[in-house]
Amino acid sequence: RDNARDTVWLQMNSLKPEDTAVYYCHAEEVYTIP
């Protein structure tokens, strides 16, 4: 991740046919205060 760019990456190497899928990005927006 790069917080300055509000971006997360997934580098995928040595890909296999079983990696075939729809890939989804998920964000959990967390607050502790208040």
Full PDB file with SEQRES, HELIX, SHEET, SSBOND, CRYST1, ORIGX, SCALE, CONECT and MASTER records, all heavy atoms in Angstrom:
SEQRES   1 A   34  ARG ASP ASN ALA ARG ASP THR VAL TRP LEU GLN MET ASN          
SEQRES   2 A   34  SER LEU LYS PRO GLU ASP THR ALA VAL TYR TYR CYS HIS          
SEQRES   3 A   34  ALA GLU GLU VAL TYR THR ILE PRO                              
HELIX    1 AA1 ASN A    3  ARG A    5  5                                   3    
HELIX    2 AA2 PRO A   17  ASP A   19  5                                   3    
CRYST1    1.000    1.000    1.000  90.00  90.00  90.00 P 1           1          
ORIGX1      1.000000  0.000000  0.000000        0.00000                         
ORIGX2      0.000000  1.000000  0.000000        0.00000                         
ORIGX3      0.000000  0.000000  1.000000        0.00000                         
SCALE1      1.000000  0.000000  0.000000        0.00000                         
SCALE2      0.000000  1.000000  0.000000        0.00000                         
SCALE3      0.000000  0.000000  1.000000        0.00000                         
ATOM      1  N   ARG A   1       0.828  -1.199   0.000  1.00  0.00           N  
ATOM      2  CA  ARG A   1       0.000   0.000   0.000  1.00  0.00           C  
ATOM      3  C   ARG A   1       0.865   1.252   0.000  1.00  0.00           C  
ATOM      4  O   ARG A   1       2.013   1.248   0.439  1.00  0.00           O  
ATOM      5  CB  ARG A   1      -0.946   0.016   1.211  1.00  0.00           C  
ATOM      6  CG  ARG A   1      -0.249   0.154   2.561  1.00  0.00           C  
ATOM      7  CD  ARG A   1      -1.222  -0.114   3.709  1.00  0.00           C  
ATOM      8  NE  ARG A   1      -2.274   0.890   3.773  1.00  0.00           N  
ATOM      9  CZ  ARG A   1      -3.445   0.720   4.396  1.00  0.00           C  
ATOM     10  NH1 ARG A   1      -3.713  -0.446   4.989  1.00  0.00           N  
ATOM     11  NH2 ARG A   1      -4.341   1.698   4.413  1.00  0.00           N  
ATOM     12  N   ASP A   2       0.277   2.331  -0.505  1.00  0.00           N  
ATOM     13  CA  ASP A   2       0.905   3.639  -0.511  1.00  0.00           C  
ATOM     14  C   ASP A   2      -0.136   4.609   0.011  1.00  0.00           C  
ATOM     15  O   ASP A   2      -1.062   4.993  -0.710  1.00  0.00           O  
ATOM     16  CB  ASP A   2       1.368   4.024  -1.912  1.00  0.00           C  
ATOM     17  CG  ASP A   2       2.137   5.331  -1.936  1.00  0.00           C  
ATOM     18  OD1 ASP A   2       2.066   6.108  -0.971  1.00  0.00           O  
ATOM     19  OD2 ASP A   2       2.828   5.585  -2.948  1.00  0.00           O  
ATOM     20  N   ASN A   3       0.020   4.991   1.264  1.00  0.00           N  
ATOM     21  CA  ASN A   3      -0.973   5.861   1.886  1.00  0.00           C  
ATOM     22  C   ASN A   3      -1.038   7.238   1.232  1.00  0.00           C  
ATOM     23  O   ASN A   3      -2.095   7.879   1.237  1.00  0.00           O  
ATOM     24  CB  ASN A   3      -0.680   6.004   3.378  1.00  0.00           C  
ATOM     25  CG  ASN A   3      -0.939   4.726   4.143  1.00  0.00           C  
ATOM     26  OD1 ASN A   3      -1.597   3.810   3.660  1.00  0.00           O  
ATOM     27  ND2 ASN A   3      -0.415   4.660   5.371  1.00  0.00           N  
ATOM     28  N   ALA A   4       0.072   7.700   0.679  1.00  0.00           N  
ATOM     29  CA  ALA A   4       0.090   9.005   0.027  1.00  0.00           C  
ATOM     30  C   ALA A   4      -0.731   9.013  -1.249  1.00  0.00           C  
ATOM     31  O   ALA A   4      -1.165  10.078  -1.701  1.00  0.00           O  
ATOM     32  CB  ALA A   4       1.526   9.428  -0.270  1.00  0.00           C  
ATOM     33  N   ARG A   5      -0.930   7.835  -1.847  1.00  0.00           N  
ATOM     34  CA  ARG A   5      -1.690   7.731  -3.091  1.00  0.00           C  
ATOM     35  C   ARG A   5      -3.036   7.044  -2.900  1.00  0.00           C  
ATOM     36  O   ARG A   5      -3.749   6.820  -3.884  1.00  0.00           O  
ATOM     37  CB  ARG A   5      -0.870   6.969  -4.136  1.00  0.00           C  
ATOM     38  CG  ARG A   5       0.432   7.659  -4.509  1.00  0.00           C  
ATOM     39  CD  ARG A   5       1.306   6.786  -5.384  1.00  0.00           C  
ATOM     40  NE  ARG A   5       0.674   6.463  -6.650  1.00  0.00           N  
ATOM     41  CZ  ARG A   5       1.208   5.684  -7.583  1.00  0.00           C  
ATOM     42  NH1 ARG A   5       2.408   5.141  -7.374  1.00  0.00           N  
ATOM     43  NH2 ARG A   5       0.556   5.439  -8.710  1.00  0.00           N  
ATOM     44  N   ASP A   6      -3.391   6.725  -1.665  1.00  0.00           N  
ATOM     45  CA  ASP A   6      -4.657   6.046  -1.359  1.00  0.00           C  
ATOM     46  C   ASP A   6      -4.821   4.787  -2.205  1.00  0.00           C  
ATOM     47  O   ASP A   6      -5.911   4.501  -2.717  1.00  0.00           O  
ATOM     48  CB  ASP A   6      -5.841   6.985  -1.587  1.00  0.00           C  
ATOM     49  CG  ASP A   6      -5.863   8.167  -0.636  1.00  0.00           C  
ATOM     50  OD1 ASP A   6      -4.998   8.236   0.264  1.00  0.00           O  
ATOM     51  OD2 ASP A   6      -6.738   9.035  -0.786  1.00  0.00           O  
ATOM     52  N   THR A   7      -3.742   4.037  -2.340  1.00  0.00           N  
ATOM     53  CA  THR A   7      -3.712   2.911  -3.259  1.00  0.00           C  
ATOM     54  C   THR A   7      -3.152   1.655  -2.601  1.00  0.00           C  
ATOM     55  O   THR A   7      -2.212   1.731  -1.803  1.00  0.00           O  
ATOM     56  CB  THR A   7      -2.861   3.252  -4.495  1.00  0.00           C  
ATOM     57  OG1 THR A   7      -3.401   4.410  -5.144  1.00  0.00           O  
ATOM     58  CG2 THR A   7      -2.838   2.097  -5.480  1.00  0.00           C  
ATOM     59  N   VAL A   8      -3.737   0.526  -2.947  1.00  0.00           N  
ATOM     60  CA  VAL A   8      -3.207  -0.769  -2.553  1.00  0.00           C  
ATOM     61  C   VAL A   8      -3.009  -1.590  -3.822  1.00  0.00           C  
ATOM     62  O   VAL A   8      -3.801  -1.490  -4.764  1.00  0.00           O  
ATOM     63  CB  VAL A   8      -4.132  -1.485  -1.546  1.00  0.00           C  
ATOM     64  CG1 VAL A   8      -5.506  -1.754  -2.154  1.00  0.00           C  
ATOM     65  CG2 VAL A   8      -3.494  -2.769  -1.048  1.00  0.00           C  
ATOM     66  N   TRP A   9      -1.936  -2.376  -3.858  1.00  0.00           N  
ATOM     67  CA  TRP A   9      -1.619  -3.206  -5.019  1.00  0.00           C  
ATOM     68  C   TRP A   9      -1.595  -4.678  -4.634  1.00  0.00           C  
ATOM     69  O   TRP A   9      -1.370  -5.040  -3.485  1.00  0.00           O  
ATOM     70  CB  TRP A   9      -0.247  -2.853  -5.586  1.00  0.00           C  
ATOM     71  CG  TRP A   9      -0.126  -1.491  -6.168  1.00  0.00           C  
ATOM     72  CD1 TRP A   9      -0.427  -1.105  -7.443  1.00  0.00           C  
ATOM     73  CD2 TRP A   9       0.379  -0.322  -5.507  1.00  0.00           C  
ATOM     74  NE1 TRP A   9      -0.154   0.224  -7.618  1.00  0.00           N  
ATOM     75  CE2 TRP A   9       0.344   0.738  -6.441  1.00  0.00           C  
ATOM     76  CE3 TRP A   9       0.848  -0.070  -4.220  1.00  0.00           C  
ATOM     77  CZ2 TRP A   9       0.763   2.021  -6.132  1.00  0.00           C  
ATOM     78  CZ3 TRP A   9       1.268   1.211  -3.913  1.00  0.00           C  
ATOM     79  CH2 TRP A   9       1.221   2.232  -4.855  1.00  0.00           C  
ATOM     80  N   LEU A  10      -1.816  -5.514  -5.614  1.00  0.00           N  
ATOM     81  CA  LEU A  10      -1.594  -6.940  -5.483  1.00  0.00           C  
ATOM     82  C   LEU A  10      -0.700  -7.369  -6.632  1.00  0.00           C  
ATOM     83  O   LEU A  10      -1.139  -7.417  -7.782  1.00  0.00           O  
ATOM     84  CB  LEU A  10      -2.905  -7.724  -5.503  1.00  0.00           C  
ATOM     85  CG  LEU A  10      -2.771  -9.225  -5.277  1.00  0.00           C  
ATOM     86  CD1 LEU A  10      -2.308  -9.510  -3.845  1.00  0.00           C  
ATOM     87  CD2 LEU A  10      -4.083  -9.945  -5.557  1.00  0.00           C  
ATOM     88  N   GLN A  11       0.558  -7.650  -6.321  1.00  0.00           N  
ATOM     89  CA  GLN A  11       1.490  -8.158  -7.308  1.00  0.00           C  
ATOM     90  C   GLN A  11       1.351  -9.669  -7.359  1.00  0.00           C  
ATOM     91  O   GLN A  11       1.557 -10.349  -6.355  1.00  0.00           O  
ATOM     92  CB  GLN A  11       2.924  -7.771  -6.950  1.00  0.00           C  
ATOM     93  CG  GLN A  11       3.980  -8.300  -7.914  1.00  0.00           C  
ATOM     94  CD  GLN A  11       3.872  -7.686  -9.287  1.00  0.00           C  
ATOM     95  OE1 GLN A  11       3.773  -6.465  -9.419  1.00  0.00           O  
ATOM     96  NE2 GLN A  11       3.891  -8.522 -10.323  1.00  0.00           N  
ATOM     97  N   MET A  12       1.017 -10.194  -8.524  1.00  0.00           N  
ATOM     98  CA  MET A  12       0.782 -11.619  -8.696  1.00  0.00           C  
ATOM     99  C   MET A  12       1.834 -12.180  -9.642  1.00  0.00           C  
ATOM    100  O   MET A  12       1.892 -11.795 -10.816  1.00  0.00           O  
ATOM    101  CB  MET A  12      -0.623 -11.877  -9.240  1.00  0.00           C  
ATOM    102  CG  MET A  12      -1.730 -11.283  -8.377  1.00  0.00           C  
ATOM    103  SD  MET A  12      -3.388 -11.686  -8.984  1.00  0.00           S  
ATOM    104  CE  MET A  12      -3.395 -10.733 -10.500  1.00  0.00           C  
ATOM    105  N   ASN A  13       2.655 -13.071  -9.134  1.00  0.00           N  
ATOM    106  CA  ASN A  13       3.693 -13.722  -9.920  1.00  0.00           C  
ATOM    107  C   ASN A  13       3.422 -15.214 -10.001  1.00  0.00           C  
ATOM    108  O   ASN A  13       2.664 -15.769  -9.211  1.00  0.00           O  
ATOM    109  CB  ASN A  13       5.067 -13.478  -9.306  1.00  0.00           C  
ATOM    110  CG  ASN A  13       5.465 -12.023  -9.268  1.00  0.00           C  
ATOM    111  OD1 ASN A  13       5.128 -11.248 -10.168  1.00  0.00           O  
ATOM    112  ND2 ASN A  13       6.209 -11.640  -8.235  1.00  0.00           N  
ATOM    113  N   SER A  14       4.072 -15.861 -10.945  1.00  0.00           N  
ATOM    114  CA  SER A  14       3.937 -17.307 -11.134  1.00  0.00           C  
ATOM    115  C   SER A  14       2.472 -17.723 -11.171  1.00  0.00           C  
ATOM    116  O   SER A  14       2.053 -18.670 -10.502  1.00  0.00           O  
ATOM    117  CB  SER A  14       4.685 -18.061 -10.027  1.00  0.00           C  
ATOM    118  OG  SER A  14       6.056 -17.724 -10.014  1.00  0.00           O  
ATOM    119  N   LEU A  15       1.705 -17.027 -11.953  1.00  0.00           N  
ATOM    120  CA  LEU A  15       0.264 -17.255 -11.994  1.00  0.00           C  
ATOM    121  C   LEU A  15      -0.073 -18.645 -12.520  1.00  0.00           C  
ATOM    122  O   LEU A  15       0.602 -19.171 -13.406  1.00  0.00           O  
ATOM    123  CB  LEU A  15      -0.414 -16.192 -12.842  1.00  0.00           C  
ATOM    124  CG  LEU A  15      -0.590 -14.841 -12.139  1.00  0.00           C  
ATOM    125  CD1 LEU A  15      -0.862 -13.734 -13.148  1.00  0.00           C  
ATOM    126  CD2 LEU A  15      -1.722 -14.920 -11.122  1.00  0.00           C  
ATOM    127  N   LYS A  16      -1.124 -19.210 -11.956  1.00  0.00           N  
ATOM    128  CA  LYS A  16      -1.613 -20.525 -12.319  1.00  0.00           C  
ATOM    129  C   LYS A  16      -3.044 -20.420 -12.824  1.00  0.00           C  
ATOM    130  O   LYS A  16      -3.766 -19.501 -12.460  1.00  0.00           O  
ATOM    131  CB  LYS A  16      -1.578 -21.458 -11.103  1.00  0.00           C  
ATOM    132  CG  LYS A  16      -0.222 -21.584 -10.435  1.00  0.00           C  
ATOM    133  CD  LYS A  16      -0.319 -22.419  -9.164  1.00  0.00           C  
ATOM    134  CE  LYS A  16       1.020 -22.543  -8.475  1.00  0.00           C  
ATOM    135  NZ  LYS A  16       0.918 -23.336  -7.225  1.00  0.00           N  
ATOM    136  N   PRO A  17      -3.493 -21.371 -13.646  1.00  0.00           N  
ATOM    137  CA  PRO A  17      -4.886 -21.336 -14.106  1.00  0.00           C  
ATOM    138  C   PRO A  17      -5.892 -21.278 -12.965  1.00  0.00           C  
ATOM    139  O   PRO A  17      -6.953 -20.646 -13.118  1.00  0.00           O  
ATOM    140  CB  PRO A  17      -5.018 -22.637 -14.904  1.00  0.00           C  
ATOM    141  CG  PRO A  17      -3.643 -22.880 -15.428  1.00  0.00           C  
ATOM    142  CD  PRO A  17      -2.722 -22.443 -14.314  1.00  0.00           C  
ATOM    143  N   GLU A  18      -5.589 -21.898 -11.834  1.00  0.00           N  
ATOM    144  CA  GLU A  18      -6.502 -21.872 -10.708  1.00  0.00           C  
ATOM    145  C   GLU A  18      -6.607 -20.507 -10.039  1.00  0.00           C  
ATOM    146  O   GLU A  18      -7.448 -20.307  -9.164  1.00  0.00           O  
ATOM    147  CB  GLU A  18      -6.127 -22.938  -9.664  1.00  0.00           C  
ATOM    148  CG  GLU A  18      -4.666 -22.923  -9.270  1.00  0.00           C  
ATOM    149  CD  GLU A  18      -3.843 -23.958 -10.015  1.00  0.00           C  
ATOM    150  OE1 GLU A  18      -4.017 -24.077 -11.246  1.00  0.00           O  
ATOM    151  OE2 GLU A  18      -3.040 -24.658  -9.368  1.00  0.00           O  
ATOM    152  N   ASP A  19      -5.759 -19.565 -10.434  1.00  0.00           N  
ATOM    153  CA  ASP A  19      -5.879 -18.199  -9.951  1.00  0.00           C  
ATOM    154  C   ASP A  19      -6.953 -17.419 -10.698  1.00  0.00           C  
ATOM    155  O   ASP A  19      -7.273 -16.292 -10.314  1.00  0.00           O  
ATOM    156  CB  ASP A  19      -4.549 -17.454 -10.080  1.00  0.00           C  
ATOM    157  CG  ASP A  19      -3.460 -18.022  -9.194  1.00  0.00           C  
ATOM    158  OD1 ASP A  19      -3.754 -18.365  -8.031  1.00  0.00           O  
ATOM    159  OD2 ASP A  19      -2.306 -18.115  -9.662  1.00  0.00           O  
ATOM    160  N   THR A  20      -7.487 -17.986 -11.752  1.00  0.00           N  
ATOM    161  CA  THR A  20      -8.525 -17.325 -12.535  1.00  0.00           C  
ATOM    162  C   THR A  20      -9.738 -17.035 -11.665  1.00  0.00           C  
ATOM    163  O   THR A  20     -10.288 -17.930 -11.018  1.00  0.00           O  
ATOM    164  CB  THR A  20      -8.934 -18.194 -13.732  1.00  0.00           C  
ATOM    165  OG1 THR A  20      -7.824 -18.336 -14.616  1.00  0.00           O  
ATOM    166  CG2 THR A  20     -10.097 -17.566 -14.486  1.00  0.00           C  
ATOM    167  N   ALA A  21     -10.151 -15.781 -11.636  1.00  0.00           N  
ATOM    168  CA  ALA A  21     -11.274 -15.360 -10.810  1.00  0.00           C  
ATOM    169  C   ALA A  21     -11.527 -13.880 -11.031  1.00  0.00           C  
ATOM    170  O   ALA A  21     -10.736 -13.185 -11.673  1.00  0.00           O  
ATOM    171  CB  ALA A  21     -10.980 -15.613  -9.324  1.00  0.00           C  
ATOM    172  N   VAL A  22     -12.637 -13.414 -10.482  1.00  0.00           N  
ATOM    173  CA  VAL A  22     -12.860 -11.985 -10.359  1.00  0.00           C  
ATOM    174  C   VAL A  22     -12.253 -11.556  -9.034  1.00  0.00           C  
ATOM    175  O   VAL A  22     -12.571 -12.123  -7.985  1.00  0.00           O  
ATOM    176  CB  VAL A  22     -14.356 -11.620 -10.407  1.00  0.00           C  
ATOM    177  CG1 VAL A  22     -14.544 -10.119 -10.204  1.00  0.00           C  
ATOM    178  CG2 VAL A  22     -14.960 -12.058 -11.734  1.00  0.00           C  
ATOM    179  N   TYR A  23     -11.382 -10.578  -9.077  1.00  0.00           N  
ATOM    180  CA  TYR A  23     -10.695 -10.099  -7.888  1.00  0.00           C  
ATOM    181  C   TYR A  23     -11.342  -8.805  -7.407  1.00  0.00           C  
ATOM    182  O   TYR A  23     -11.568  -7.879  -8.191  1.00  0.00           O  
ATOM    183  CB  TYR A  23      -9.217  -9.870  -8.175  1.00  0.00           C  
ATOM    184  CG  TYR A  23      -8.429 -11.151  -8.235  1.00  0.00           C  
ATOM    185  CD1 TYR A  23      -8.590 -12.033  -9.304  1.00  0.00           C  
ATOM    186  CD2 TYR A  23      -7.539 -11.505  -7.222  1.00  0.00           C  
ATOM    187  CE1 TYR A  23      -7.893 -13.232  -9.355  1.00  0.00           C  
ATOM    188  CE2 TYR A  23      -6.832 -12.694  -7.272  1.00  0.00           C  
ATOM    189  CZ  TYR A  23      -7.008 -13.553  -8.330  1.00  0.00           C  
ATOM    190  OH  TYR A  23      -6.310 -14.742  -8.374  1.00  0.00           O  
ATOM    191  N   TYR A  24     -11.620  -8.758  -6.112  1.00  0.00           N  
ATOM    192  CA  TYR A  24     -12.289  -7.626  -5.504  1.00  0.00           C  
ATOM    193  C   TYR A  24     -11.407  -6.970  -4.454  1.00  0.00           C  
ATOM    194  O   TYR A  24     -10.757  -7.653  -3.662  1.00  0.00           O  
ATOM    195  CB  TYR A  24     -13.594  -8.060  -4.826  1.00  0.00           C  
ATOM    196  CG  TYR A  24     -14.634  -8.603  -5.765  1.00  0.00           C  
ATOM    197  CD1 TYR A  24     -14.679  -9.959  -6.066  1.00  0.00           C  
ATOM    198  CD2 TYR A  24     -15.572  -7.764  -6.347  1.00  0.00           C  
ATOM    199  CE1 TYR A  24     -15.636 -10.469  -6.928  1.00  0.00           C  
ATOM    200  CE2 TYR A  24     -16.534  -8.264  -7.210  1.00  0.00           C  
ATOM    201  CZ  TYR A  24     -16.561  -9.615  -7.492  1.00  0.00           C  
ATOM    202  OH  TYR A  24     -17.517 -10.113  -8.347  1.00  0.00           O  
ATOM    203  N   CYS A  25     -11.418  -5.665  -4.446  1.00  0.00           N  
ATOM    204  CA  CYS A  25     -10.731  -4.895  -3.418  1.00  0.00           C  
ATOM    205  C   CYS A  25     -11.717  -4.559  -2.305  1.00  0.00           C  
ATOM    206  O   CYS A  25     -12.859  -4.191  -2.575  1.00  0.00           O  
ATOM    207  CB  CYS A  25     -10.158  -3.610  -4.016  1.00  0.00           C  
ATOM    208  SG  CYS A  25      -9.211  -2.591  -2.860  1.00  0.00           S  
ATOM    209  N   HIS A  26     -11.253  -4.698  -1.080  1.00  0.00           N  
ATOM    210  CA  HIS A  26     -12.090  -4.431   0.083  1.00  0.00           C  
ATOM    211  C   HIS A  26     -11.409  -3.428   1.000  1.00  0.00           C  
ATOM    212  O   HIS A  26     -10.205  -3.527   1.253  1.00  0.00           O  
ATOM    213  CB  HIS A  26     -12.353  -5.726   0.853  1.00  0.00           C  
ATOM    214  CG  HIS A  26     -13.054  -5.515   2.160  1.00  0.00           C  
ATOM    215  ND1 HIS A  26     -12.395  -5.587   3.372  1.00  0.00           N  
ATOM    216  CD2 HIS A  26     -14.352  -5.229   2.447  1.00  0.00           C  
ATOM    217  CE1 HIS A  26     -13.257  -5.361   4.348  1.00  0.00           C  
ATOM    218  NE2 HIS A  26     -14.448  -5.143   3.813  1.00  0.00           N  
ATOM    219  N   ALA A  27     -12.189  -2.482   1.475  1.00  0.00           N  
ATOM    220  CA  ALA A  27     -11.702  -1.497   2.429  1.00  0.00           C  
ATOM    221  C   ALA A  27     -12.531  -1.557   3.693  1.00  0.00           C  
ATOM    222  O   ALA A  27     -13.765  -1.515   3.636  1.00  0.00           O  
ATOM    223  CB  ALA A  27     -11.751  -0.095   1.837  1.00  0.00           C  
ATOM    224  N   GLU A  28     -11.859  -1.693   4.813  1.00  0.00           N  
ATOM    225  CA  GLU A  28     -12.499  -1.583   6.117  1.00  0.00           C  
ATOM    226  C   GLU A  28     -12.085  -0.243   6.702  1.00  0.00           C  
ATOM    227  O   GLU A  28     -10.924  -0.052   7.058  1.00  0.00           O  
ATOM    228  CB  GLU A  28     -12.089  -2.723   7.049  1.00  0.00           C  
ATOM    229  CG  GLU A  28     -12.761  -2.638   8.414  1.00  0.00           C  
ATOM    230  CD  GLU A  28     -12.218  -3.629   9.419  1.00  0.00           C  
ATOM    231  OE1 GLU A  28     -10.998  -3.907   9.388  1.00  0.00           O  
ATOM    232  OE2 GLU A  28     -13.002  -4.131  10.247  1.00  0.00           O  
ATOM    233  N   GLU A  29     -13.022   0.666   6.750  1.00  0.00           N  
ATOM    234  CA  GLU A  29     -12.773   2.001   7.274  1.00  0.00           C  
ATOM    235  C   GLU A  29     -12.950   1.959   8.776  1.00  0.00           C  
ATOM    236  O   GLU A  29     -14.062   1.752   9.268  1.00  0.00           O  
ATOM    237  CB  GLU A  29     -13.732   2.997   6.622  1.00  0.00           C  
ATOM    238  CG  GLU A  29     -13.462   4.439   6.959  1.00  0.00           C  
ATOM    239  CD  GLU A  29     -14.480   5.353   6.299  1.00  0.00           C  
ATOM    240  OE1 GLU A  29     -15.698   5.109   6.473  1.00  0.00           O  
ATOM    241  OE2 GLU A  29     -14.067   6.297   5.600  1.00  0.00           O  
ATOM    242  N   VAL A  30     -11.871   2.161   9.508  1.00  0.00           N  
ATOM    243  CA  VAL A  30     -11.856   1.953  10.949  1.00  0.00           C  
ATOM    244  C   VAL A  30     -11.690   3.271  11.689  1.00  0.00           C  
ATOM    245  O   VAL A  30     -10.837   4.089  11.344  1.00  0.00           O  
ATOM    246  CB  VAL A  30     -10.717   0.991  11.357  1.00  0.00           C  
ATOM    247  CG1 VAL A  30     -10.696   0.807  12.873  1.00  0.00           C  
ATOM    248  CG2 VAL A  30     -10.883  -0.354  10.666  1.00  0.00           C  
ATOM    249  N   TYR A  31     -12.511   3.438  12.696  1.00  0.00           N  
ATOM    250  CA  TYR A  31     -12.411   4.576  13.603  1.00  0.00           C  
ATOM    251  C   TYR A  31     -12.324   4.056  15.026  1.00  0.00           C  
ATOM    252  O   TYR A  31     -12.996   3.084  15.388  1.00  0.00           O  
ATOM    253  CB  TYR A  31     -13.618   5.503  13.469  1.00  0.00           C  
ATOM    254  CG  TYR A  31     -13.754   6.131  12.113  1.00  0.00           C  
ATOM    255  CD1 TYR A  31     -14.518   5.521  11.124  1.00  0.00           C  
ATOM    256  CD2 TYR A  31     -13.123   7.328  11.813  1.00  0.00           C  
ATOM    257  CE1 TYR A  31     -14.637   6.091   9.873  1.00  0.00           C  
ATOM    258  CE2 TYR A  31     -13.246   7.907  10.568  1.00  0.00           C  
ATOM    259  CZ  TYR A  31     -14.002   7.291   9.599  1.00  0.00           C  
ATOM    260  OH  TYR A  31     -14.119   7.862   8.359  1.00  0.00           O  
ATOM    261  N   THR A  32     -11.510   4.689  15.824  1.00  0.00           N  
ATOM    262  CA  THR A  32     -11.407   4.359  17.246  1.00  0.00           C  
ATOM    263  C   THR A  32     -11.802   5.527  18.129  1.00  0.00           C  
ATOM    264  O   THR A  32     -12.069   5.339  19.312  1.00  0.00           O  
ATOM    265  CB  THR A  32      -9.983   3.911  17.608  1.00  0.00           C  
ATOM    266  OG1 THR A  32      -9.052   4.944  17.275  1.00  0.00           O  
ATOM    267  CG2 THR A  32      -9.625   2.637  16.856  1.00  0.00           C  
ATOM    268  N   ILE A  33     -11.817   6.708  17.572  1.00  0.00           N  
ATOM    269  CA  ILE A  33     -12.206   7.926  18.267  1.00  0.00           C  
ATOM    270  C   ILE A  33     -13.361   8.562  17.521  1.00  0.00           C  
ATOM    271  O   ILE A  33     -13.277   8.755  16.294  1.00  0.00           O  
ATOM    272  CB  ILE A  33     -11.041   8.923  18.373  1.00  0.00           C  
ATOM    273  CG1 ILE A  33      -9.844   8.292  19.085  1.00  0.00           C  
ATOM    274  CG2 ILE A  33     -11.472  10.201  19.070  1.00  0.00           C  
ATOM    275  CD1 ILE A  33     -10.119   7.941  20.540  1.00  0.00           C  
ATOM    276  N   PRO A  34     -14.464   8.893  18.156  1.00  0.00           N  
ATOM    277  CA  PRO A  34     -14.689   8.866  19.604  1.00  0.00           C  
ATOM    278  C   PRO A  34     -15.076   7.506  20.161  1.00  0.00           C  
ATOM    279  O   PRO A  34     -15.116   7.341  21.382  1.00  0.00           O  
ATOM    280  CB  PRO A  34     -15.831   9.860  19.797  1.00  0.00           C  
ATOM    281  CG  PRO A  34     -16.635   9.721  18.554  1.00  0.00           C  
ATOM    282  CD  PRO A  34     -15.621   9.513  17.455  1.00  0.00           C  
TER     283      PRO A  34                                                      
MASTER        0    0    0    2    0    0    0    6  282    1    0    3          
END                                                                             
